């Protein structure tokens, strides 16, 4: 009996990590929803930070030394800041979405991020191609460093949107198993982004 419970527990943890639990999709979508009333209240930078951390990622602001990966700590640290006062406003400069549940829909949060410099999507099983389209549309001229690694829903069609990322200085693409014709795709991106250092493996 104990052995059965251990196996069941391990199976549940593996399914949770792989986002394969029936009904989990609506929960992930909820955590990626862009709350427009909250946007008006705190602004795009803090809303995007809450989105990432709520989905088990980490963020960095420009004026705070702490790297936040705990939602409660993030809320406590920003609760006293009045977004209407320029000197109290914080700007999101770094997103680390490693092993997070961020999705393509959540990438609407990039709208209004004028200071974002570094983004890493690593082992993001819910990130779809259209997320890169949204990110490129809203922040492609801001992001300098981008990593896409082990994101199984990203295909060559999603990578085509990287051509919108005109500010990129460094692009790391790794273990993207559903990218077909990778050489042709990467060569095309290189032609569009001649000043970007691109690593693909």
C-alpha atoms as a PDB file:
ATOM      1  CA  UNK A   1       0.000   0.000   0.000  1.00  0.00           C
ATOM      2  CA  UNK A   2       2.786   2.408   0.948  1.00  0.00           C
ATOM      3  CA  UNK A   3       4.615   1.563  -2.270  1.00  0.00           C
ATOM      4  CA  UNK A   4       1.448   2.292  -4.268  1.00  0.00           C
ATOM      5  CA  UNK A   5       1.035   5.693  -2.575  1.00  0.00           C
ATOM      6  CA  UNK A   6       4.657   6.599  -3.296  1.00  0.00           C
ATOM      7  CA  UNK A   7       4.227   5.649  -6.961  1.00  0.00           C
ATOM      8  CA  UNK A   8       0.962   7.625  -7.171  1.00  0.00           C
ATOM      9  CA  UNK A   9       2.626  10.641  -5.563  1.00  0.00           C
ATOM     10  CA  UNK A  10       5.575  10.487  -7.971  1.00  0.00           C
ATOM     11  CA  UNK A  11       3.200  10.144 -10.929  1.00  0.00           C
ATOM     12  CA  UNK A  12       1.219  13.189  -9.785  1.00  0.00           C
ATOM     13  CA  UNK A  13       4.382  15.282  -9.409  1.00  0.00           C
ATOM     14  CA  UNK A  14       5.580  14.262 -12.872  1.00  0.00           C
ATOM     15  CA  UNK A  15       2.233  15.115 -14.449  1.00  0.00           C
ATOM     16  CA  UNK A  16       2.128  18.430 -12.615  1.00  0.00           C
ATOM     17  CA  UNK A  17       5.598  19.336 -13.871  1.00  0.00           C
ATOM     18  CA  UNK A  18       4.566  18.324 -17.404  1.00  0.00           C
ATOM     19  CA  UNK A  19       1.219  20.160 -17.233  1.00  0.00           C
ATOM     20  CA  UNK A  20      -0.573  16.887 -18.049  1.00  0.00           C
ATOM     21  CA  UNK A  21      -3.180  16.857 -15.293  1.00  0.00           C
ATOM     22  CA  UNK A  22      -6.749  16.896 -16.693  1.00  0.00           C
ATOM     23  CA  UNK A  23      -8.302  20.296 -16.047  1.00  0.00           C
ATOM     24  CA  UNK A  24      -4.967  21.967 -15.335  1.00  0.00           C
ATOM     25  CA  UNK A  25      -5.112  23.946 -18.588  1.00  0.00           C
ATOM     26  CA  UNK A  26      -7.838  26.300 -17.307  1.00  0.00           C
ATOM     27  CA  UNK A  27      -5.756  26.990 -14.187  1.00  0.00           C
ATOM     28  CA  UNK A  28      -2.651  27.803 -16.246  1.00  0.00           C
ATOM     29  CA  UNK A  29      -4.722  30.046 -18.523  1.00  0.00           C
ATOM     30  CA  UNK A  30      -6.080  31.837 -15.456  1.00  0.00           C
ATOM     31  CA  UNK A  31      -2.583  32.557 -14.180  1.00  0.00           C
ATOM     32  CA  UNK A  32      -1.687  33.984 -17.594  1.00  0.00           C
ATOM     33  CA  UNK A  33      -4.718  36.267 -17.839  1.00  0.00           C
ATOM     34  CA  UNK A  34      -3.940  39.984 -18.215  1.00  0.00           C
ATOM     35  CA  UNK A  35      -6.039  41.793 -15.626  1.00  0.00           C
ATOM     36  CA  UNK A  36      -6.875  45.174 -17.151  1.00  0.00           C
ATOM     37  CA  UNK A  37      -8.181  46.666 -13.912  1.00  0.00           C
ATOM     38  CA  UNK A  38      -4.959  45.656 -12.158  1.00  0.00           C
ATOM     39  CA  UNK A  39      -3.020  47.151 -15.084  1.00  0.00           C
ATOM     40  CA  UNK A  40      -4.662  50.535 -14.498  1.00  0.00           C
ATOM     41  CA  UNK A  41      -3.915  50.274 -10.795  1.00  0.00           C
ATOM     42  CA  UNK A  42      -0.214  49.356 -10.804  1.00  0.00           C
ATOM     43  CA  UNK A  43       1.046  49.741 -14.398  1.00  0.00           C
ATOM     44  CA  UNK A  44       2.506  47.285 -16.930  1.00  0.00           C
ATOM     45  CA  UNK A  45       5.853  46.619 -15.221  1.00  0.00           C
ATOM     46  CA  UNK A  46       4.475  45.487 -11.904  1.00  0.00           C
ATOM     47  CA  UNK A  47       1.629  43.575 -13.557  1.00  0.00           C
ATOM     48  CA  UNK A  48       4.080  41.681 -15.777  1.00  0.00           C
ATOM     49  CA  UNK A  49       6.265  40.940 -12.743  1.00  0.00           C
ATOM     50  CA  UNK A  50       3.266  39.493 -10.914  1.00  0.00           C
ATOM     51  CA  UNK A  51       2.405  37.390 -13.975  1.00  0.00           C
ATOM     52  CA  UNK A  52       5.869  35.842 -14.176  1.00  0.00           C
ATOM     53  CA  UNK A  53       6.275  35.171 -10.459  1.00  0.00           C
ATOM     54  CA  UNK A  54       2.713  33.837 -10.142  1.00  0.00           C
ATOM     55  CA  UNK A  55       3.689  31.274 -12.790  1.00  0.00           C
ATOM     56  CA  UNK A  56       6.847  30.184 -10.893  1.00  0.00           C
ATOM     57  CA  UNK A  57       9.310  32.405 -12.731  1.00  0.00           C
ATOM     58  CA  UNK A  58      11.613  35.130 -11.392  1.00  0.00           C
ATOM     59  CA  UNK A  59      12.047  38.818 -12.174  1.00  0.00           C
ATOM     60  CA  UNK A  60      14.342  41.758 -11.554  1.00  0.00           C
ATOM     61  CA  UNK A  61      13.402  45.441 -11.317  1.00  0.00           C
ATOM     62  CA  UNK A  62      15.713  48.329 -12.074  1.00  0.00           C
ATOM     63  CA  UNK A  63      15.525  50.118  -8.690  1.00  0.00           C
ATOM     64  CA  UNK A  64      15.319  47.104  -6.348  1.00  0.00           C
ATOM     65  CA  UNK A  65      18.318  44.872  -5.714  1.00  0.00           C
ATOM     66  CA  UNK A  66      16.228  41.803  -4.892  1.00  0.00           C
ATOM     67  CA  UNK A  67      15.528  39.143  -7.497  1.00  0.00           C
ATOM     68  CA  UNK A  68      11.936  38.094  -6.860  1.00  0.00           C
ATOM     69  CA  UNK A  69      10.729  34.514  -7.252  1.00  0.00           C
ATOM     70  CA  UNK A  70       8.186  34.513  -4.423  1.00  0.00           C
ATOM     71  CA  UNK A  71       4.813  36.132  -5.071  1.00  0.00           C
ATOM     72  CA  UNK A  72       4.179  37.211  -1.471  1.00  0.00           C
ATOM     73  CA  UNK A  73       7.616  38.814  -1.216  1.00  0.00           C
ATOM     74  CA  UNK A  74       7.009  40.644  -4.496  1.00  0.00           C
ATOM     75  CA  UNK A  75       3.676  42.022  -3.314  1.00  0.00           C
ATOM     76  CA  UNK A  76       5.124  43.104   0.050  1.00  0.00           C
ATOM     77  CA  UNK A  77       8.079  44.849  -1.593  1.00  0.00           C
ATOM     78  CA  UNK A  78       5.944  46.802  -4.062  1.00  0.00           C
ATOM     79  CA  UNK A  79       2.893  47.485  -1.862  1.00  0.00           C
ATOM     80  CA  UNK A  80       4.336  50.749  -0.529  1.00  0.00           C
ATOM     81  CA  UNK A  81       5.283  52.058  -3.975  1.00  0.00           C
ATOM     82  CA  UNK A  82       2.838  54.463  -5.571  1.00  0.00           C
ATOM     83  CA  UNK A  83       2.896  53.861  -9.353  1.00  0.00           C
ATOM     84  CA  UNK A  84       1.570  57.399  -9.904  1.00  0.00           C
ATOM     85  CA  UNK A  85       4.760  58.870  -8.422  1.00  0.00           C
ATOM     86  CA  UNK A  86       7.602  58.680 -11.000  1.00  0.00           C
ATOM     87  CA  UNK A  87      10.389  58.291  -8.437  1.00  0.00           C
ATOM     88  CA  UNK A  88       8.573  55.342  -6.843  1.00  0.00           C
ATOM     89  CA  UNK A  89       7.842  53.557 -10.101  1.00  0.00           C
ATOM     90  CA  UNK A  90       9.905  50.427 -10.765  1.00  0.00           C
ATOM     91  CA  UNK A  91      10.615  49.032 -14.215  1.00  0.00           C
ATOM     92  CA  UNK A  92      10.990  45.402 -15.159  1.00  0.00           C
ATOM     93  CA  UNK A  93      14.394  44.701 -16.699  1.00  0.00           C
ATOM     94  CA  UNK A  94      14.763  40.921 -16.457  1.00  0.00           C
ATOM     95  CA  UNK A  95      12.468  37.901 -16.755  1.00  0.00           C
ATOM     96  CA  UNK A  96      13.636  34.372 -15.967  1.00  0.00           C
ATOM     97  CA  UNK A  97      10.790  31.997 -16.784  1.00  0.00           C
ATOM     98  CA  UNK A  98      12.752  28.776 -16.174  1.00  0.00           C
ATOM     99  CA  UNK A  99      10.423  25.832 -15.432  1.00  0.00           C
ATOM    100  CA  UNK A 100       7.465  28.204 -15.294  1.00  0.00           C
ATOM    101  CA  UNK A 101       3.889  27.935 -16.565  1.00  0.00           C
ATOM    102  CA  UNK A 102       3.953  31.110 -18.660  1.00  0.00           C
ATOM    103  CA  UNK A 103       1.973  30.694 -21.865  1.00  0.00           C
ATOM    104  CA  UNK A 104       1.649  32.450 -25.192  1.00  0.00           C
ATOM    105  CA  UNK A 105      -1.457  34.263 -23.987  1.00  0.00           C
ATOM    106  CA  UNK A 106       0.507  35.601 -21.035  1.00  0.00           C
ATOM    107  CA  UNK A 107       2.927  37.317 -23.400  1.00  0.00           C
ATOM    108  CA  UNK A 108       0.378  40.097 -23.804  1.00  0.00           C
ATOM    109  CA  UNK A 109       2.017  41.333 -20.590  1.00  0.00           C
ATOM    110  CA  UNK A 110       4.988  42.558 -22.642  1.00  0.00           C
ATOM    111  CA  UNK A 111       2.917  45.497 -23.851  1.00  0.00           C
ATOM    112  CA  UNK A 112       4.193  48.620 -22.103  1.00  0.00           C
ATOM    113  CA  UNK A 113       7.495  47.140 -20.901  1.00  0.00           C
ATOM    114  CA  UNK A 114       9.845  49.883 -22.060  1.00  0.00           C
ATOM    115  CA  UNK A 115      12.902  48.854 -20.014  1.00  0.00           C
ATOM    116  CA  UNK A 116      12.942  45.081 -20.403  1.00  0.00           C
ATOM    117  CA  UNK A 117      16.401  43.869 -21.449  1.00  0.00           C
ATOM    118  CA  UNK A 118      16.737  40.158 -20.714  1.00  0.00           C
ATOM    119  CA  UNK A 119      14.247  37.294 -21.121  1.00  0.00           C
ATOM    120  CA  UNK A 120      14.799  33.561 -20.647  1.00  0.00           C
ATOM    121  CA  UNK A 121      12.190  30.925 -21.471  1.00  0.00           C
ATOM    122  CA  UNK A 122      13.684  27.605 -20.356  1.00  0.00           C
ATOM    123  CA  UNK A 123      11.629  24.409 -20.125  1.00  0.00           C
ATOM    124  CA  UNK A 124       8.388  26.354 -20.569  1.00  0.00           C
ATOM    125  CA  UNK A 125       5.972  23.643 -21.648  1.00  0.00           C
ATOM    126  CA  UNK A 126       3.040  26.034 -22.126  1.00  0.00           C
ATOM    127  CA  UNK A 127       4.778  28.644 -24.287  1.00  0.00           C
ATOM    128  CA  UNK A 128       3.294  28.626 -27.789  1.00  0.00           C
ATOM    129  CA  UNK A 129       4.551  30.159 -31.039  1.00  0.00           C
ATOM    130  CA  UNK A 130       2.169  33.116 -30.876  1.00  0.00           C
ATOM    131  CA  UNK A 131       3.736  34.163 -27.570  1.00  0.00           C
ATOM    132  CA  UNK A 132       6.858  35.119 -29.502  1.00  0.00           C
ATOM    133  CA  UNK A 133       4.703  37.111 -31.896  1.00  0.00           C
ATOM    134  CA  UNK A 134       3.190  39.130 -29.030  1.00  0.00           C
ATOM    135  CA  UNK A 135       6.555  39.608 -27.380  1.00  0.00           C
ATOM    136  CA  UNK A 136       8.136  40.799 -30.614  1.00  0.00           C
ATOM    137  CA  UNK A 137       5.276  43.159 -31.349  1.00  0.00           C
ATOM    138  CA  UNK A 138       5.359  44.809 -27.927  1.00  0.00           C
ATOM    139  CA  UNK A 139       8.999  44.574 -26.832  1.00  0.00           C
ATOM    140  CA  UNK A 140      11.053  43.400 -29.806  1.00  0.00           C
ATOM    141  CA  UNK A 141      12.766  46.776 -29.985  1.00  0.00           C
ATOM    142  CA  UNK A 142      13.678  46.631 -26.274  1.00  0.00           C
ATOM    143  CA  UNK A 143      14.936  43.106 -25.508  1.00  0.00           C
ATOM    144  CA  UNK A 144      18.710  42.694 -25.848  1.00  0.00           C
ATOM    145  CA  UNK A 145      19.159  39.130 -24.551  1.00  0.00           C
ATOM    146  CA  UNK A 146      16.802  36.244 -25.261  1.00  0.00           C
ATOM    147  CA  UNK A 147      17.067  32.545 -24.462  1.00  0.00           C
ATOM    148  CA  UNK A 148      14.667  29.878 -25.720  1.00  0.00           C
ATOM    149  CA  UNK A 149      15.530  26.412 -24.455  1.00  0.00           C
ATOM    150  CA  UNK A 150      13.590  23.149 -24.240  1.00  0.00           C
ATOM    151  CA  UNK A 151      10.225  24.710 -25.070  1.00  0.00           C
ATOM    152  CA  UNK A 152       8.391  21.853 -26.846  1.00  0.00           C
ATOM    153  CA  UNK A 153       5.592  23.969 -28.350  1.00  0.00           C
ATOM    154  CA  UNK A 154       7.956  26.318 -30.168  1.00  0.00           C
ATOM    155  CA  UNK A 155       8.327  25.513 -33.868  1.00  0.00           C
ATOM    156  CA  UNK A 156      10.019  27.126 -36.847  1.00  0.00           C
ATOM    157  CA  UNK A 157       6.882  29.226 -37.330  1.00  0.00           C
ATOM    158  CA  UNK A 158       7.358  30.747 -33.905  1.00  0.00           C
ATOM    159  CA  UNK A 159      11.035  31.431 -34.525  1.00  0.00           C
ATOM    160  CA  UNK A 160      10.093  33.433 -37.612  1.00  0.00           C
ATOM    161  CA  UNK A 161       8.708  36.072 -35.237  1.00  0.00           C
ATOM    162  CA  UNK A 162      12.214  36.611 -33.844  1.00  0.00           C
ATOM    163  CA  UNK A 163      12.886  38.774 -36.888  1.00  0.00           C
ATOM    164  CA  UNK A 164      10.863  41.475 -35.115  1.00  0.00           C
ATOM    165  CA  UNK A 165      13.406  41.592 -32.268  1.00  0.00           C
ATOM    166  CA  UNK A 166      15.472  44.432 -33.693  1.00  0.00           C
ATOM    167  CA  UNK A 167      17.268  45.219 -30.394  1.00  0.00           C
ATOM    168  CA  UNK A 168      18.659  41.714 -29.886  1.00  0.00           C
ATOM    169  CA  UNK A 169      22.372  41.451 -29.183  1.00  0.00           C
ATOM    170  CA  UNK A 170      22.368  37.821 -28.043  1.00  0.00           C
ATOM    171  CA  UNK A 171      19.990  34.988 -28.967  1.00  0.00           C
ATOM    172  CA  UNK A 172      20.380  31.478 -27.548  1.00  0.00           C
ATOM    173  CA  UNK A 173      18.237  28.716 -29.055  1.00  0.00           C
ATOM    174  CA  UNK A 174      18.707  25.278 -27.549  1.00  0.00           C
ATOM    175  CA  UNK A 175      16.925  21.914 -27.579  1.00  0.00           C
ATOM    176  CA  UNK A 176      13.913  23.060 -29.595  1.00  0.00           C
ATOM    177  CA  UNK A 177      12.896  19.632 -30.828  1.00  0.00           C
ATOM    178  CA  UNK A 178       9.845  20.709 -32.798  1.00  0.00           C
ATOM    179  CA  UNK A 179      11.756  23.158 -34.974  1.00  0.00           C
ATOM    180  CA  UNK A 180      11.969  21.562 -38.400  1.00  0.00           C
ATOM    181  CA  UNK A 181      14.425  22.776 -41.039  1.00  0.00           C
ATOM    182  CA  UNK A 182      16.497  24.481 -38.283  1.00  0.00           C
ATOM    183  CA  UNK A 183      19.404  25.477 -40.533  1.00  0.00           C
ATOM    184  CA  UNK A 184      17.192  27.337 -43.002  1.00  0.00           C
ATOM    185  CA  UNK A 185      15.262  28.976 -40.154  1.00  0.00           C
ATOM    186  CA  UNK A 186      18.366  30.133 -38.284  1.00  0.00           C
ATOM    187  CA  UNK A 187      20.035  31.387 -41.470  1.00  0.00           C
ATOM    188  CA  UNK A 188      16.932  33.439 -42.237  1.00  0.00           C
ATOM    189  CA  UNK A 189      16.945  34.937 -38.725  1.00  0.00           C
ATOM    190  CA  UNK A 190      20.654  35.765 -39.037  1.00  0.00           C
ATOM    191  CA  UNK A 191      20.009  37.670 -42.243  1.00  0.00           C
ATOM    192  CA  UNK A 192      17.282  39.690 -40.533  1.00  0.00           C
ATOM    193  CA  UNK A 193      19.353  40.315 -37.373  1.00  0.00           C
ATOM    194  CA  UNK A 194      22.925  40.854 -38.632  1.00  0.00           C
ATOM    195  CA  UNK A 195      24.059  42.508 -35.372  1.00  0.00           C
ATOM    196  CA  UNK A 196      22.832  39.701 -33.143  1.00  0.00           C
ATOM    197  CA  UNK A 197      25.083  36.917 -31.822  1.00  0.00           C
ATOM    198  CA  UNK A 198      23.014  33.765 -32.424  1.00  0.00           C
ATOM    199  CA  UNK A 199      23.791  30.380 -30.841  1.00  0.00           C
ATOM    200  CA  UNK A 200      21.762  27.324 -31.852  1.00  0.00           C
ATOM    201  CA  UNK A 201      22.242  23.809 -30.512  1.00  0.00           C
END
